[in-house]
Amino acid sequence: MKLLSLTSYLTFIWRLLFSICLTPGESLGQTATQYSRVVAQAERIAYLAAQRSALASQVAAAALAPSATSLAVRMVAGPVGWAALGVSAGLVLAQMYYSQPDLVAIKQTASPPTGNWTYSYNGQTYTIPNHNIAGSPTPAAICPGGLMFGYLGSPTPGMTSAGPTNWWCPPSPAQQTTGTPTSTDIQQYLLGQSPTDPNAIEQHTIPVGTTGTTQPADNTVSQPVSPTEMPTTVKPKPIPAGDIVVADNVPPPASTPQQNTQQQTTTTTTTTTQNPDGSTTEQEETQATTSCTVGAHESRTFGTVLQEHQTRWGASSLLGTLNLLKSLTWPSTLPVIALPSVFFGSQQVDFNQWAWFFTVLRTLVIATASIAAYRIIFVGGGQTT
């Protein structure tokens, strides 16, 4: 039972010393910030705005092809200027992609009207010339689709009277017929779409770079881009969504405050002490000197700050007490004291039977000294350094 209690107590002391002595040292280190060279989302949008007409022309050519297939236009890093920025030539920066159904829908939407109208009746399609349109229906007769047509003679099959003389309603909503669009029709349609429209070029262009992926297509076009067309900047990680990462783990900008690179040298001094019982005790003292080697920074080093603390506390009585504790030696064998008595006879006290008590006492002394030393070095005892 005594051994279990002593083990639990020593475990608690060890954890206390670990948190006091090691945690402050770990808190002095900082995780270095990593940087990446990127094309910001705003720069990508500006490039698309400048290239909108050229990109719309390529979409129009793909949509008017005899058999519309999917189209991918890949903006790639050109052969000039990117190598100086650490970017590989040919890297895909962004990709515009239109699937085959997208191209078909754009072609239909961009088709110009012919001026005629059609409707279906009994499985047949009938055409009404545009000049026959009469306008909106009266409240008495609402035509399907909201259009009435006028005839001086007999109307086409399936027509019903809309109420006014010679005004007729088609049996189903009339649809205005369209012709075959030209490349100009499709380009004007795309250029007229807002950037948020589902068919707009901006909605079909995604960033790629070193972290994205490309979409395979039946027809792929590579479009070289220069660094002046898509300017890059260096940003700390994590990179905002929408930016194009073109080079990873690059040096930070020159104007960015840098974490100082530190160099540390360690000196170990071994002191041998002769104990009264003839044994010797060796004590090692390690002193580390840390200095910074990067840029303009605080002239003091960790070593000089530590020395300043030690000098300031050198005259204190507490430090004198700690120095006295350093000279204490702990015997490996406890004494046996004889107690002669006339009445009780010869008695003796063997302190080795109480060795666990002296172990606890020694642990408390060491722990108290460690806490005091931690306060002197890391806290400063309430004094300003």
Protein backbone atom coordinates (compact mmCIF):
# COMPACT_ATOMS: atom_id res chain seq x y z
CA MET A 1 0.00 0.00 0.00
CA LYS A 2 2.84 2.38 0.89
CA LEU A 3 4.59 1.55 -2.40
CA LEU A 4 1.41 2.28 -4.38
CA SER A 5 0.92 5.63 -2.65
CA LEU A 6 4.54 6.61 -3.22
CA THR A 7 4.32 5.66 -6.92
CA SER A 8 1.16 7.72 -7.40
CA TYR A 9 2.70 10.70 -5.66
CA LEU A 10 5.91 10.59 -7.71
CA THR A 11 3.86 10.29 -10.92
CA PHE A 12 1.99 13.45 -9.99
CA ILE A 13 5.25 15.28 -9.31
CA TRP A 14 6.71 14.16 -12.63
CA ARG A 15 3.68 15.43 -14.55
CA LEU A 16 3.86 18.75 -12.70
CA LEU A 17 7.53 19.19 -13.59
CA PHE A 18 6.85 18.21 -17.19
CA SER A 19 4.15 20.86 -17.60
CA ILE A 20 6.20 23.54 -15.87
CA CYS A 21 9.56 22.94 -17.50
CA LEU A 22 8.76 21.67 -20.99
CA THR A 23 5.56 23.50 -21.94
CA PRO A 24 7.07 27.03 -21.76
CA GLY A 25 9.89 25.93 -24.05
CA GLU A 26 7.45 24.51 -26.57
CA SER A 27 5.40 27.72 -26.48
CA LEU A 28 8.44 29.67 -27.64
CA GLY A 29 8.37 27.91 -31.01
CA GLN A 30 5.97 29.02 -33.72
CA THR A 31 4.64 27.19 -36.76
CA ALA A 32 6.08 28.83 -39.86
CA THR A 33 3.49 30.32 -42.20
CA GLN A 34 3.54 28.81 -45.67
CA TYR A 35 2.88 30.82 -48.82
CA SER A 36 1.66 30.07 -52.35
CA ARG A 37 1.75 32.07 -55.57
CA VAL A 38 -1.79 32.47 -56.87
CA VAL A 39 -3.91 34.16 -59.50
CA ALA A 40 -6.59 35.87 -57.45
CA GLN A 41 -10.23 35.32 -58.33
CA ALA A 42 -10.60 38.99 -59.28
CA GLU A 43 -7.71 38.69 -61.77
CA ARG A 44 -9.30 35.61 -63.33
CA ILE A 45 -12.63 37.41 -63.71
CA ALA A 46 -10.88 40.41 -65.25
CA TYR A 47 -9.13 38.13 -67.77
CA LEU A 48 -12.45 36.52 -68.76
CA ALA A 49 -14.00 39.95 -69.24
CA ALA A 50 -11.12 40.96 -71.54
CA GLN A 51 -11.35 37.69 -73.50
CA ARG A 52 -15.14 37.40 -73.57
CA SER A 53 -15.50 38.12 -77.28
CA ALA A 54 -12.79 35.62 -78.30
CA LEU A 55 -14.20 32.92 -76.01
CA ALA A 56 -17.75 33.53 -77.28
CA SER A 57 -16.46 33.06 -80.84
CA GLN A 58 -15.06 29.64 -79.94
CA VAL A 59 -18.33 28.61 -78.28
CA ALA A 60 -20.26 29.71 -81.39
CA ALA A 61 -18.02 27.68 -83.68
CA ALA A 62 -18.54 24.57 -81.54
CA ALA A 63 -22.32 25.10 -81.35
CA LEU A 64 -22.64 25.49 -85.17
CA ALA A 65 -20.58 22.40 -85.92
CA PRO A 66 -22.48 19.73 -87.94
CA SER A 67 -22.49 17.49 -84.86
CA ALA A 68 -22.18 19.53 -81.70
CA THR A 69 -19.63 18.01 -79.28
CA SER A 70 -18.34 19.13 -75.91
CA LEU A 71 -15.84 22.00 -75.89
CA ALA A 72 -13.00 22.77 -73.45
CA VAL A 73 -10.88 25.90 -73.75
CA ARG A 74 -7.87 25.63 -71.44
CA MET A 75 -5.99 28.79 -70.44
CA VAL A 76 -2.39 27.63 -70.02
CA ALA A 77 0.78 29.36 -68.83
CA GLY A 78 2.67 30.55 -71.90
CA PRO A 79 6.37 30.02 -72.63
CA VAL A 80 7.45 33.54 -71.61
CA GLY A 81 7.52 35.09 -68.14
CA TRP A 82 6.20 32.25 -66.00
CA ALA A 83 9.52 30.48 -65.35
CA ALA A 84 10.83 33.55 -63.51
CA LEU A 85 7.88 33.19 -61.11
CA GLY A 86 8.54 29.51 -60.49
CA VAL A 87 5.57 28.42 -62.62
CA SER A 88 5.89 25.61 -65.14
CA ALA A 89 5.08 26.52 -68.75
CA GLY A 90 1.98 24.71 -69.97
CA LEU A 91 0.32 24.63 -66.54
CA VAL A 92 -3.46 24.81 -66.97
CA LEU A 93 -4.60 27.91 -65.13
CA ALA A 94 -8.35 27.72 -65.83
CA GLN A 95 -10.75 25.88 -68.12
CA MET A 96 -13.95 26.90 -69.88
CA TYR A 97 -16.16 23.87 -70.53
CA TYR A 98 -19.47 23.47 -72.41
CA SER A 99 -21.07 20.05 -72.73
CA GLN A 100 -22.93 18.89 -75.84
CA PRO A 101 -26.37 19.62 -74.31
CA ASP A 102 -25.13 23.09 -73.29
CA LEU A 103 -24.15 23.91 -76.87
CA VAL A 104 -27.47 22.65 -78.26
CA ALA A 105 -29.43 24.77 -75.77
CA ILE A 106 -27.36 27.88 -76.59
CA LYS A 107 -27.89 27.35 -80.33
CA GLN A 108 -31.66 27.08 -79.88
CA THR A 109 -31.87 30.07 -77.56
CA ALA A 110 -29.77 32.25 -79.86
CA SER A 111 -31.83 31.37 -82.98
CA PRO A 112 -33.49 34.50 -84.45
CA PRO A 113 -37.31 34.56 -84.94
CA THR A 114 -38.64 34.28 -88.51
CA GLY A 115 -41.85 36.24 -87.89
CA ASN A 116 -44.27 33.31 -88.30
CA TRP A 117 -46.20 31.38 -85.66
CA THR A 118 -47.13 27.70 -85.47
CA TYR A 119 -49.60 25.60 -83.49
CA SER A 120 -50.56 21.95 -83.37
CA TYR A 121 -54.02 20.49 -84.08
CA ASN A 122 -54.95 16.82 -84.61
CA GLY A 123 -51.32 15.91 -85.04
CA GLN A 124 -50.72 18.57 -87.68
CA THR A 125 -48.69 21.77 -87.47
CA TYR A 126 -50.18 24.96 -88.91
CA THR A 127 -48.40 28.22 -89.64
CA ILE A 128 -49.83 31.71 -89.14
CA PRO A 129 -48.09 34.71 -90.73
CA ASN A 130 -46.88 37.29 -88.27
CA HIS A 131 -49.08 40.04 -89.73
CA ASN A 132 -52.16 38.09 -88.62
CA ILE A 133 -51.47 38.63 -84.94
CA ALA A 134 -54.30 40.65 -83.38
CA GLY A 135 -53.01 41.32 -79.87
CA SER A 136 -54.03 40.44 -76.34
CA PRO A 137 -57.40 38.77 -75.81
CA THR A 138 -60.39 40.44 -74.28
CA PRO A 139 -61.61 39.30 -70.85
CA ALA A 140 -64.48 37.48 -72.56
CA ALA A 141 -62.21 35.15 -74.47
CA ILE A 142 -58.66 34.26 -73.33
CA CYS A 143 -56.62 32.49 -75.96
CA PRO A 144 -54.00 29.86 -75.05
CA GLY A 145 -50.68 31.58 -74.80
CA GLY A 146 -52.33 35.03 -74.67
CA LEU A 147 -52.36 35.65 -78.45
CA MET A 148 -55.28 36.21 -80.87
CA PHE A 149 -55.06 36.15 -84.63
CA GLY A 150 -57.18 38.00 -87.15
CA TYR A 151 -58.62 36.56 -90.39
CA LEU A 152 -60.82 38.28 -92.98
CA GLY A 153 -61.65 34.93 -94.47
CA SER A 154 -61.78 31.43 -92.99
CA PRO A 155 -59.28 30.76 -90.20
CA THR A 156 -56.92 27.81 -90.18
CA PRO A 157 -58.19 24.49 -88.76
CA GLY A 158 -58.93 24.27 -85.06
CA MET A 159 -59.40 28.02 -84.53
CA THR A 160 -62.20 29.21 -82.25
CA SER A 161 -63.77 32.62 -82.11
CA ALA A 162 -62.24 34.98 -79.60
CA GLY A 163 -65.38 37.14 -79.41
CA PRO A 164 -64.63 40.19 -81.53
CA THR A 165 -65.31 39.93 -85.27
CA ASN A 166 -62.62 38.11 -87.22
CA TRP A 167 -60.52 37.46 -84.06
CA TRP A 168 -59.59 33.84 -83.47
CA CYS A 169 -57.82 31.72 -80.86
CA PRO A 170 -55.52 28.78 -81.76
CA PRO A 171 -56.38 25.44 -80.11
CA SER A 172 -52.94 25.33 -78.44
CA PRO A 173 -50.37 27.97 -77.50
CA ALA A 174 -48.78 29.36 -80.62
CA GLN A 175 -45.01 29.26 -80.90
CA GLN A 176 -42.99 31.73 -82.88
CA THR A 177 -40.77 29.97 -85.36
CA THR A 178 -37.02 30.57 -85.44
CA GLY A 179 -34.39 30.31 -88.11
CA THR A 180 -30.85 28.98 -88.11
CA PRO A 181 -28.54 31.16 -86.00
CA THR A 182 -25.29 32.51 -87.30
CA SER A 183 -22.00 32.77 -85.45
CA THR A 184 -22.77 36.43 -84.82
CA ASP A 185 -26.17 35.54 -83.32
CA ILE A 186 -24.58 33.17 -80.80
CA GLN A 187 -21.77 35.58 -79.96
CA GLN A 188 -24.19 38.43 -79.35
CA TYR A 189 -26.33 36.17 -77.20
CA LEU A 190 -23.38 35.12 -75.02
CA LEU A 191 -22.03 38.67 -74.74
CA GLY A 192 -25.45 39.85 -73.64
CA GLN A 193 -25.63 37.42 -70.70
CA SER A 194 -24.78 38.63 -67.21
CA PRO A 195 -21.86 36.84 -65.45
CA THR A 196 -24.40 35.08 -63.20
CA ASP A 197 -26.50 33.64 -66.06
CA PRO A 198 -26.30 29.81 -66.30
CA ASN A 199 -25.11 30.02 -69.93
CA ALA A 200 -22.56 32.80 -69.30
CA ILE A 201 -18.88 32.17 -69.93
CA GLU A 202 -18.05 32.96 -66.29
CA GLN A 203 -20.36 30.20 -65.05
CA HIS A 204 -18.65 27.64 -67.28
CA THR A 205 -15.04 28.53 -66.32
CA ILE A 206 -13.33 26.97 -63.29
CA PRO A 207 -9.87 27.52 -61.74
CA VAL A 208 -7.37 24.67 -62.15
CA GLY A 209 -3.72 25.43 -61.32
CA THR A 210 -1.77 22.92 -59.24
CA THR A 211 -4.71 21.95 -57.03
CA GLY A 212 -7.58 21.63 -59.54
CA THR A 213 -8.51 19.13 -62.24
CA THR A 214 -9.51 19.51 -65.89
CA GLN A 215 -12.69 18.22 -67.51
CA PRO A 216 -12.11 16.00 -70.58
CA ALA A 217 -13.89 17.13 -73.76
CA ASP A 218 -14.32 16.01 -77.38
CA ASN A 219 -12.81 19.26 -78.63
CA THR A 220 -9.99 20.82 -76.56
CA VAL A 221 -8.33 24.15 -77.31
CA SER A 222 -5.22 25.45 -75.49
CA GLN A 223 -5.04 29.24 -75.13
CA PRO A 224 -1.66 30.66 -73.92
CA VAL A 225 -1.81 33.25 -71.15
CA SER A 226 0.98 35.65 -70.15
CA PRO A 227 1.75 36.76 -66.57
CA THR A 228 0.59 40.27 -67.46
CA GLU A 229 -2.82 38.96 -68.54
CA MET A 230 -3.23 36.98 -65.30
CA PRO A 231 -1.07 38.75 -62.67
CA THR A 232 -0.06 36.67 -59.67
CA THR A 233 0.39 37.47 -55.99
CA VAL A 234 1.87 35.57 -53.04
CA LYS A 235 -0.62 34.77 -50.28
CA PRO A 236 -0.37 32.88 -46.99
CA LYS A 237 -2.17 29.59 -46.64
CA PRO A 238 -4.99 28.69 -46.54
CA ILE A 239 -5.69 30.05 -50.03
CA PRO A 240 -9.18 31.60 -50.56
CA ALA A 241 -11.62 29.61 -52.65
CA GLY A 242 -11.67 30.76 -56.28
CA ASP A 243 -7.96 31.63 -56.42
CA ILE A 244 -5.68 29.67 -58.76
CA VAL A 245 -2.60 28.18 -57.08
CA VAL A 246 0.24 28.27 -59.64
CA ALA A 247 3.21 27.56 -57.32
CA ASP A 248 3.24 26.09 -53.82
CA ASN A 249 5.56 26.74 -50.85
CA VAL A 250 7.16 29.91 -52.17
CA PRO A 251 9.07 32.57 -50.17
CA PRO A 252 6.87 35.26 -48.57
CA PRO A 253 6.74 38.77 -50.07
CA ALA A 254 9.65 41.04 -49.20
CA SER A 255 7.37 43.39 -47.24
CA THR A 256 6.00 40.57 -45.06
CA PRO A 257 7.37 40.41 -41.47
CA GLN A 258 9.27 37.15 -41.33
CA GLN A 259 9.65 34.74 -38.49
CA ASN A 260 13.28 35.00 -37.37
CA THR A 261 15.47 32.00 -38.10
CA GLN A 262 17.28 31.04 -34.92
CA GLN A 263 20.60 29.33 -34.32
CA GLN A 264 21.25 27.70 -30.97
CA THR A 265 24.52 26.49 -29.48
CA THR A 266 24.66 24.42 -26.32
CA THR A 267 27.52 24.27 -23.78
CA THR A 268 27.55 21.53 -21.13
CA THR A 269 29.69 21.81 -17.96
CA THR A 270 30.22 18.78 -15.69
CA THR A 271 31.06 19.37 -12.01
CA THR A 272 32.31 16.52 -9.76
CA THR A 273 31.64 16.81 -6.00
CA GLN A 274 33.33 14.65 -3.32
CA ASN A 275 30.74 13.46 -0.77
CA PRO A 276 31.55 12.99 2.98
CA ASP A 277 31.02 9.24 2.69
CA GLY A 278 33.73 8.98 0.01
CA SER A 279 31.40 8.76 -2.99
CA THR A 280 31.39 11.29 -5.80
CA THR A 281 28.47 13.09 -7.43
CA GLU A 282 28.58 14.46 -10.96
CA GLN A 283 26.33 17.39 -11.91
CA GLU A 284 25.90 18.58 -15.48
CA GLU A 285 24.90 22.17 -16.27
CA THR A 286 23.78 22.98 -19.79
CA GLN A 287 23.71 26.54 -21.12
CA ALA A 288 22.13 27.32 -24.51
CA THR A 289 22.80 30.47 -26.49
CA THR A 290 20.23 31.40 -29.14
CA SER A 291 20.62 34.14 -31.72
CA CYS A 292 18.63 35.30 -34.73
CA THR A 293 20.10 35.54 -38.23
CA VAL A 294 17.34 37.03 -40.37
CA GLY A 295 16.52 40.67 -41.04
CA ALA A 296 15.96 43.50 -38.59
CA HIS A 297 14.60 42.32 -35.26
CA GLU A 298 14.90 42.67 -31.50
CA SER A 299 18.60 42.94 -30.69
CA ARG A 300 18.28 40.88 -27.50
CA THR A 301 18.44 37.11 -27.76
CA PHE A 302 16.85 34.51 -25.55
CA GLY A 303 20.21 33.90 -23.94
CA THR A 304 20.73 37.57 -23.04
CA VAL A 305 17.21 37.86 -21.64
CA LEU A 306 17.82 34.79 -19.49
CA GLN A 307 21.12 36.21 -18.27
CA GLU A 308 19.38 39.49 -17.43
CA HIS A 309 16.89 37.61 -15.30
CA GLN A 310 19.61 35.72 -13.51
CA THR A 311 21.60 38.89 -12.84
CA ARG A 312 18.56 40.72 -11.48
CA TRP A 313 17.71 37.89 -9.14
CA GLY A 314 21.34 37.25 -8.16
CA ALA A 315 21.13 39.54 -5.14
CA SER A 316 17.83 38.13 -3.87
CA SER A 317 17.66 35.95 -0.78
CA LEU A 318 15.54 33.44 -2.63
CA LEU A 319 18.29 32.73 -5.14
CA GLY A 320 20.75 32.35 -2.27
CA THR A 321 18.51 29.71 -0.79
CA LEU A 322 18.37 27.91 -4.14
CA ASN A 323 22.17 27.96 -4.35
CA LEU A 324 22.27 26.42 -0.88
CA LEU A 325 19.92 23.66 -2.07
CA LYS A 326 22.28 22.92 -4.93
CA SER A 327 25.04 21.96 -2.48
CA LEU A 328 22.89 19.50 -0.58
CA THR A 329 23.83 15.85 -0.99
CA TRP A 330 21.53 12.93 -0.41
CA PRO A 331 23.22 9.89 1.17
CA SER A 332 22.58 6.56 -0.44
CA THR A 333 22.51 4.78 2.96
CA LEU A 334 20.67 6.20 5.97
CA PRO A 335 22.26 6.01 9.44
CA VAL A 336 21.40 3.71 12.31
CA ILE A 337 21.40 5.65 15.62
CA ALA A 338 22.02 3.83 18.94
CA LEU A 339 20.14 5.09 22.04
CA PRO A 340 21.66 3.65 25.28
CA SER A 341 19.52 3.93 28.40
CA VAL A 342 20.01 2.82 32.01
CA PHE A 343 16.34 2.04 32.47
CA PHE A 344 15.32 0.75 29.00
CA GLY A 345 18.53 -0.82 27.92
CA SER A 346 20.29 -0.28 24.63
CA GLN A 347 17.92 0.80 21.79
CA GLN A 348 18.59 1.81 18.19
CA VAL A 349 16.67 3.58 15.37
CA ASP A 350 17.26 2.34 11.84
CA PHE A 351 16.29 5.19 9.47
CA ASN A 352 16.54 2.84 6.48
CA GLN A 353 13.14 1.49 7.50
CA TRP A 354 11.78 4.99 6.82
CA ALA A 355 13.57 5.51 3.50
CA TRP A 356 10.29 6.17 1.67
CA PHE A 357 9.64 9.18 3.90
CA PHE A 358 13.01 10.73 3.04
CA THR A 359 12.36 10.05 -0.66
CA VAL A 360 9.09 12.00 -0.44
CA LEU A 361 10.86 14.79 1.44
CA ARG A 362 13.58 15.01 -1.20
CA THR A 363 10.95 15.08 -3.97
CA LEU A 364 9.12 17.97 -2.28
CA VAL A 365 12.33 19.96 -1.94
CA ILE A 366 13.25 19.42 -5.59
CA ALA A 367 9.72 20.28 -6.76
CA THR A 368 9.65 23.47 -4.67
CA ALA A 369 13.03 24.52 -6.03
CA SER A 370 11.90 23.83 -9.60
CA ILE A 371 8.74 25.93 -9.23
CA ALA A 372 10.77 28.79 -7.78
CA ALA A 373 13.29 28.55 -10.63
CA TYR A 374 10.48 28.54 -13.20
CA ARG A 375 9.01 31.69 -11.68
CA ILE A 376 12.39 33.42 -11.72
CA ILE A 377 13.15 32.56 -15.37
CA PHE A 378 9.77 32.64 -17.11
CA VAL A 379 7.57 34.83 -14.88
CA GLY A 380 10.12 37.24 -13.40
CA GLY A 381 8.57 37.37 -9.98
CA GLY A 382 6.38 40.34 -10.91
CA GLN A 383 9.35 42.45 -12.09
CA THR A 384 9.52 43.98 -15.53
CA THR A 385 12.34 42.92 -17.82
